[in-house]
């Protein structure tokens, strides 16, 4: 059966319009992340999952810098989406973080609501700031927990994150809860290869790493117990500008990211981090291989 030409053109136009409203349509989603490998690989996972579902993605903001940098970029619209560690993020935005994932997520949403930012579902994956020493250092100074460190703090060389001086979960927490104001401090990128290398090579004696850092297990390092409980539940969740959600298929977008987040547990996060930081695999390949293992993407 042949359609009249006018009807055929109308049908073609409907198909075209339908295609244009799939996923993000003509809207490009600008994804960013903090500068360390773990945040970068999670951002790439989100990027590829969105692309597999018809969205267009700009990755220029992945690995942009510290939270201070990425928060400003999110505020200005230079990026529209980033993976956030909800406990640390809440503290950064002036809230009081706890060891409850649900409480931190809800409080972070309240803090970000006036800024036009929406918090999507947190992943089960947890990662916190960890203060780590070599085993021989722990044995030499009898260190098992953070409160053991104050009497010997100036005998130790420290590597702390570049944002530590202004991060309330780092310098402020160390001072207020543990009386720690070390004199010999090197500032390095958080959770980075150089941070781990400095500890491995004995350039420093205490290093601030992510609790998922693979080097901790590889080198049998000791994570000092946060006995004053300064570090909150730090599940990863996507945070996104609400004005972006108003321009796209919000239900589909949130569904994609929430589904991916639900699949990232702590073991998965640690493996993704290991593949990038230790195996030196390409971040895009690591993200693609994991998504394919989960039946997402091509």
Protein backbone atom coordinates (compact mmCIF):
# COMPACT_ATOMS: atom_id res chain seq x y z
CA UNK A 1 0.00 0.00 0.00
CA UNK A 2 1.34 3.42 -0.98
CA UNK A 3 0.79 6.42 1.32
CA UNK A 4 -0.14 9.72 -0.24
CA UNK A 5 2.99 11.90 -0.43
CA UNK A 6 1.75 14.36 2.20
CA UNK A 7 0.93 11.55 4.64
CA UNK A 8 4.30 9.89 4.01
CA UNK A 9 6.13 13.14 4.72
CA UNK A 10 4.12 13.57 7.89
CA UNK A 11 5.02 10.06 9.04
CA UNK A 12 8.69 10.74 8.32
CA UNK A 13 8.53 13.93 10.32
CA UNK A 14 7.03 12.08 13.29
CA UNK A 15 9.86 9.55 13.18
CA UNK A 16 12.42 12.36 13.05
CA UNK A 17 10.82 14.19 15.97
CA UNK A 18 10.70 10.97 17.95
CA UNK A 19 14.41 10.40 17.33
CA UNK A 20 15.22 13.94 18.38
CA UNK A 21 13.44 13.55 21.71
CA UNK A 22 15.14 10.26 22.56
CA UNK A 23 17.63 10.59 25.43
CA UNK A 24 19.13 14.05 25.54
CA UNK A 25 17.88 15.16 22.13
CA UNK A 26 20.10 18.02 20.95
CA UNK A 27 21.32 18.74 24.49
CA UNK A 28 24.95 17.86 25.21
CA UNK A 29 25.55 16.74 28.80
CA UNK A 30 28.75 18.18 30.22
CA UNK A 31 30.25 15.68 32.65
CA UNK A 32 32.98 16.54 35.12
CA UNK A 33 34.79 14.94 38.04
CA UNK A 34 37.41 15.57 40.66
CA UNK A 35 40.97 14.99 39.52
CA UNK A 36 41.85 11.59 40.96
CA UNK A 37 41.58 8.26 39.15
CA UNK A 38 38.65 6.81 41.06
CA UNK A 39 36.40 9.82 40.41
CA UNK A 40 37.52 9.95 36.78
CA UNK A 41 36.69 6.31 36.05
CA UNK A 42 33.25 6.59 37.68
CA UNK A 43 32.54 9.70 35.59
CA UNK A 44 33.57 7.77 32.47
CA UNK A 45 31.25 4.90 33.44
CA UNK A 46 28.37 7.37 33.71
CA UNK A 47 29.34 8.98 30.40
CA UNK A 48 29.39 5.71 28.47
CA UNK A 49 26.16 4.48 30.03
CA UNK A 50 24.42 7.67 28.98
CA UNK A 51 25.82 7.42 25.45
CA UNK A 52 24.63 3.82 25.20
CA UNK A 53 21.14 5.14 25.91
CA UNK A 54 21.13 7.87 23.30
CA UNK A 55 22.49 10.86 25.20
CA UNK A 56 25.28 13.10 23.89
CA UNK A 57 28.17 13.68 26.27
CA UNK A 58 31.01 16.20 26.61
CA UNK A 59 33.87 14.82 28.74
CA UNK A 60 36.02 17.97 28.91
CA UNK A 61 35.37 18.36 32.64
CA UNK A 62 36.44 14.86 33.69
CA UNK A 63 39.47 15.16 35.97
CA UNK A 64 38.97 18.89 36.30
CA UNK A 65 40.53 19.35 39.75
CA UNK A 66 39.69 19.47 43.44
CA UNK A 67 36.15 19.61 44.79
CA UNK A 68 36.50 23.37 45.12
CA UNK A 69 37.14 23.57 41.37
CA UNK A 70 34.41 21.15 40.31
CA UNK A 71 31.85 22.69 42.66
CA UNK A 72 32.45 26.09 41.09
CA UNK A 73 32.19 24.56 37.61
CA UNK A 74 28.88 22.92 38.54
CA UNK A 75 27.57 26.21 39.95
CA UNK A 76 28.49 28.08 36.76
CA UNK A 77 27.20 25.40 34.38
CA UNK A 78 30.64 24.66 32.96
CA UNK A 79 29.80 21.10 33.98
CA UNK A 80 26.32 19.75 34.62
CA UNK A 81 26.95 16.35 36.18
CA UNK A 82 29.63 14.86 38.42
CA UNK A 83 30.04 11.90 40.75
CA UNK A 84 30.09 13.16 44.33
CA UNK A 85 31.11 11.53 47.60
CA UNK A 86 28.03 12.43 49.58
CA UNK A 87 29.53 12.68 53.08
CA UNK A 88 32.50 14.77 52.02
CA UNK A 89 30.32 16.79 49.68
CA UNK A 90 27.83 17.54 52.44
CA UNK A 91 30.62 18.74 54.71
CA UNK A 92 32.01 20.92 51.91
CA UNK A 93 28.63 22.58 51.43
CA UNK A 94 28.38 23.39 55.13
CA UNK A 95 26.30 20.48 56.38
CA UNK A 96 26.93 18.01 59.17
CA UNK A 97 27.74 14.58 57.78
CA UNK A 98 27.05 11.31 59.57
CA UNK A 99 27.76 7.62 59.12
CA UNK A 100 24.30 7.14 57.58
CA UNK A 101 24.12 7.04 53.79
CA UNK A 102 20.44 8.00 53.72
CA UNK A 103 20.89 10.91 56.14
CA UNK A 104 23.86 12.25 54.18
CA UNK A 105 22.06 11.97 50.85
CA UNK A 106 18.95 13.78 52.17
CA UNK A 107 20.99 16.49 53.87
CA UNK A 108 23.12 17.00 50.76
CA UNK A 109 19.95 17.40 48.68
CA UNK A 110 18.69 20.05 51.10
CA UNK A 111 22.01 21.88 50.89
CA UNK A 112 22.09 21.77 47.08
CA UNK A 113 18.40 22.49 46.41
CA UNK A 114 18.83 26.31 46.51
CA UNK A 115 21.75 25.99 44.09
CA UNK A 116 19.59 24.16 41.55
CA UNK A 117 21.38 20.82 41.92
CA UNK A 118 19.73 17.42 42.28
CA UNK A 119 21.27 14.41 44.03
CA UNK A 120 20.48 11.08 42.39
CA UNK A 121 20.60 7.69 44.13
CA UNK A 122 23.83 6.83 45.97
CA UNK A 123 25.74 3.70 45.00
CA UNK A 124 26.42 1.02 47.62
CA UNK A 125 30.13 1.77 47.12
CA UNK A 126 31.85 3.47 50.05
CA UNK A 127 35.16 5.27 49.99
CA UNK A 128 36.50 7.48 52.73
CA UNK A 129 39.65 9.45 53.48
CA UNK A 130 42.19 7.08 55.03
CA UNK A 131 45.44 7.90 56.77
CA UNK A 132 47.91 5.17 55.99
CA UNK A 133 51.38 4.15 57.18
CA UNK A 134 53.82 1.42 56.20
CA UNK A 135 53.64 -1.61 58.48
CA UNK A 136 57.16 -1.05 59.80
CA UNK A 137 56.20 2.52 60.75
CA UNK A 138 53.13 1.26 62.59
CA UNK A 139 55.27 -1.22 64.49
CA UNK A 140 58.07 1.26 65.23
CA UNK A 141 55.74 3.85 66.76
CA UNK A 142 53.01 1.46 67.97
CA UNK A 143 50.37 3.04 65.72
CA UNK A 144 46.97 1.42 65.26
CA UNK A 145 44.58 4.36 65.42
CA UNK A 146 44.67 8.06 64.68
CA UNK A 147 44.70 9.02 68.35
CA UNK A 148 48.04 7.19 68.68
CA UNK A 149 49.74 9.61 66.31
CA UNK A 150 49.73 12.95 68.17
CA UNK A 151 52.71 12.20 70.47
CA UNK A 152 54.93 11.33 67.48
CA UNK A 153 53.42 13.53 64.77
CA UNK A 154 56.54 15.68 64.33
CA UNK A 155 58.76 12.62 63.94
CA UNK A 156 56.78 11.69 60.84
CA UNK A 157 56.72 13.13 57.33
CA UNK A 158 53.21 13.59 55.99
CA UNK A 159 51.61 13.64 52.53
CA UNK A 160 48.16 15.19 52.55
CA UNK A 161 45.72 16.14 49.79
CA UNK A 162 46.13 19.51 48.12
CA UNK A 163 42.75 20.63 49.46
CA UNK A 164 43.51 19.43 53.00
CA UNK A 165 44.16 22.91 54.45
CA UNK A 166 40.63 24.02 53.49
CA UNK A 167 38.85 20.67 53.75
CA UNK A 168 36.99 20.36 57.07
CA UNK A 169 37.32 16.57 56.93
CA UNK A 170 41.10 16.86 56.71
CA UNK A 171 43.09 19.62 58.43
CA UNK A 172 40.23 20.78 60.62
CA UNK A 173 39.26 17.27 61.70
CA UNK A 174 42.88 16.31 62.35
CA UNK A 175 43.37 19.36 64.56
CA UNK A 176 40.03 19.39 66.38
CA UNK A 177 39.63 15.68 67.03
CA UNK A 178 43.20 14.41 67.23
CA UNK A 179 45.35 17.43 68.07
CA UNK A 180 47.31 16.88 64.86
CA UNK A 181 49.09 19.83 63.25
CA UNK A 182 52.10 18.12 61.63
CA UNK A 183 55.06 20.31 60.73
CA UNK A 184 56.54 18.34 57.82
CA UNK A 185 53.76 18.19 55.21
CA UNK A 186 53.82 17.69 51.45
CA UNK A 187 50.61 18.43 49.56
CA UNK A 188 49.81 16.04 46.71
CA UNK A 189 46.75 15.19 44.64
CA UNK A 190 44.25 13.19 46.68
CA UNK A 191 44.23 9.42 46.28
CA UNK A 192 46.85 9.66 43.55
CA UNK A 193 49.71 7.55 42.28
CA UNK A 194 52.27 10.12 43.48
CA UNK A 195 50.74 10.01 46.97
CA UNK A 196 51.09 6.22 47.11
CA UNK A 197 54.57 6.34 45.57
CA UNK A 198 55.72 8.80 48.21
CA UNK A 199 54.69 6.38 50.94
CA UNK A 200 56.13 3.37 49.13
CA UNK A 201 59.48 5.11 48.52
CA UNK A 202 59.65 6.31 52.13
CA UNK A 203 59.60 9.94 51.08
CA UNK A 204 56.78 10.29 53.60
CA UNK A 205 55.60 8.22 56.54
CA UNK A 206 51.89 9.04 56.61
CA UNK A 207 49.80 9.40 53.45
CA UNK A 208 46.20 10.42 52.94
CA UNK A 209 44.70 7.87 50.56
CA UNK A 210 41.26 6.68 49.57
CA UNK A 211 40.18 3.68 51.63
CA UNK A 212 39.77 1.82 48.32
CA UNK A 213 43.33 2.56 47.20
CA UNK A 214 44.69 -0.75 45.85
CA UNK A 215 48.22 -0.02 47.08
CA UNK A 216 47.03 -0.52 50.67
CA UNK A 217 46.45 -4.22 50.02
CA UNK A 218 49.36 -4.69 47.62
CA UNK A 219 51.97 -3.34 50.05
CA UNK A 220 50.31 -4.51 53.28
CA UNK A 221 50.05 -0.98 54.61
CA UNK A 222 48.19 -0.12 57.80
CA UNK A 223 45.10 2.07 57.71
CA UNK A 224 44.97 3.95 61.00
CA UNK A 225 41.59 3.52 62.63
CA UNK A 226 39.51 6.70 62.67
CA UNK A 227 38.64 6.13 66.32
CA UNK A 228 37.00 9.55 66.75
CA UNK A 229 34.79 8.85 63.72
CA UNK A 230 35.65 11.99 61.77
CA UNK A 231 34.99 10.46 58.35
CA UNK A 232 31.36 10.14 57.22
CA UNK A 233 29.54 7.64 55.02
CA UNK A 234 30.93 8.55 51.62
CA UNK A 235 28.89 6.69 49.04
CA UNK A 236 29.19 7.95 45.49
CA UNK A 237 26.14 9.56 43.88
CA UNK A 238 25.67 11.55 40.67
CA UNK A 239 24.78 15.17 41.29
CA UNK A 240 23.31 17.09 38.38
CA UNK A 241 22.09 20.57 37.56
CA UNK A 242 18.31 20.64 37.76
CA UNK A 243 18.05 22.93 34.75
CA UNK A 244 19.63 20.14 32.68
CA UNK A 245 16.99 17.69 33.89
CA UNK A 246 14.32 20.12 32.66
CA UNK A 247 15.74 19.98 29.10
CA UNK A 248 16.03 16.22 28.63
CA UNK A 249 14.10 13.02 29.18
CA UNK A 250 14.52 13.20 32.94
CA UNK A 251 12.98 9.84 33.73
CA UNK A 252 15.25 8.04 31.28
CA UNK A 253 18.34 9.98 32.35
CA UNK A 254 17.81 9.32 36.05
CA UNK A 255 16.93 5.70 35.34
CA UNK A 256 20.21 5.12 33.49
CA UNK A 257 22.37 6.66 36.19
CA UNK A 258 20.49 5.15 39.11
CA UNK A 259 20.73 1.70 37.52
CA UNK A 260 24.48 2.05 37.00
CA UNK A 261 25.04 3.40 40.51
CA UNK A 262 23.12 0.50 42.03
CA UNK A 263 25.61 -1.91 40.43
CA UNK A 264 28.73 -0.22 41.85
CA UNK A 265 29.55 -1.74 45.21
CA UNK A 266 32.77 -1.14 47.13
CA UNK A 267 34.51 -4.17 45.60
CA UNK A 268 33.62 -2.99 42.10
CA UNK A 269 34.82 0.52 42.85
CA UNK A 270 38.11 -0.80 44.19
CA UNK A 271 38.59 -2.97 41.09
CA UNK A 272 37.91 -0.09 38.70
CA UNK A 273 40.40 2.00 40.65
CA UNK A 274 42.95 -0.84 40.61
CA UNK A 275 42.67 -1.33 36.84
CA UNK A 276 43.38 2.35 36.22
CA UNK A 277 45.91 3.17 38.94
CA UNK A 278 47.89 -0.08 39.15
CA UNK A 279 47.35 -1.82 35.81
CA UNK A 280 47.53 1.54 34.01
CA UNK A 281 44.69 0.59 31.71
CA UNK A 282 42.94 3.24 29.67
CA UNK A 283 40.02 4.69 31.64
CA UNK A 284 37.65 4.44 28.69
CA UNK A 285 38.54 0.75 28.21
CA UNK A 286 38.08 -0.02 31.91
CA UNK A 287 34.67 1.65 31.96
CA UNK A 288 33.59 -0.04 28.72
CA UNK A 289 34.66 -3.51 29.85
CA UNK A 290 32.81 -3.21 33.13
CA UNK A 291 29.64 -1.89 31.50
CA UNK A 292 29.69 -4.74 29.00
CA UNK A 293 30.08 -7.23 31.85
CA UNK A 294 26.90 -5.74 33.29
CA UNK A 295 25.08 -5.94 29.95
CA UNK A 296 25.20 -2.19 29.37
CA UNK A 297 26.57 -0.66 26.19
CA UNK A 298 27.78 -2.21 22.96
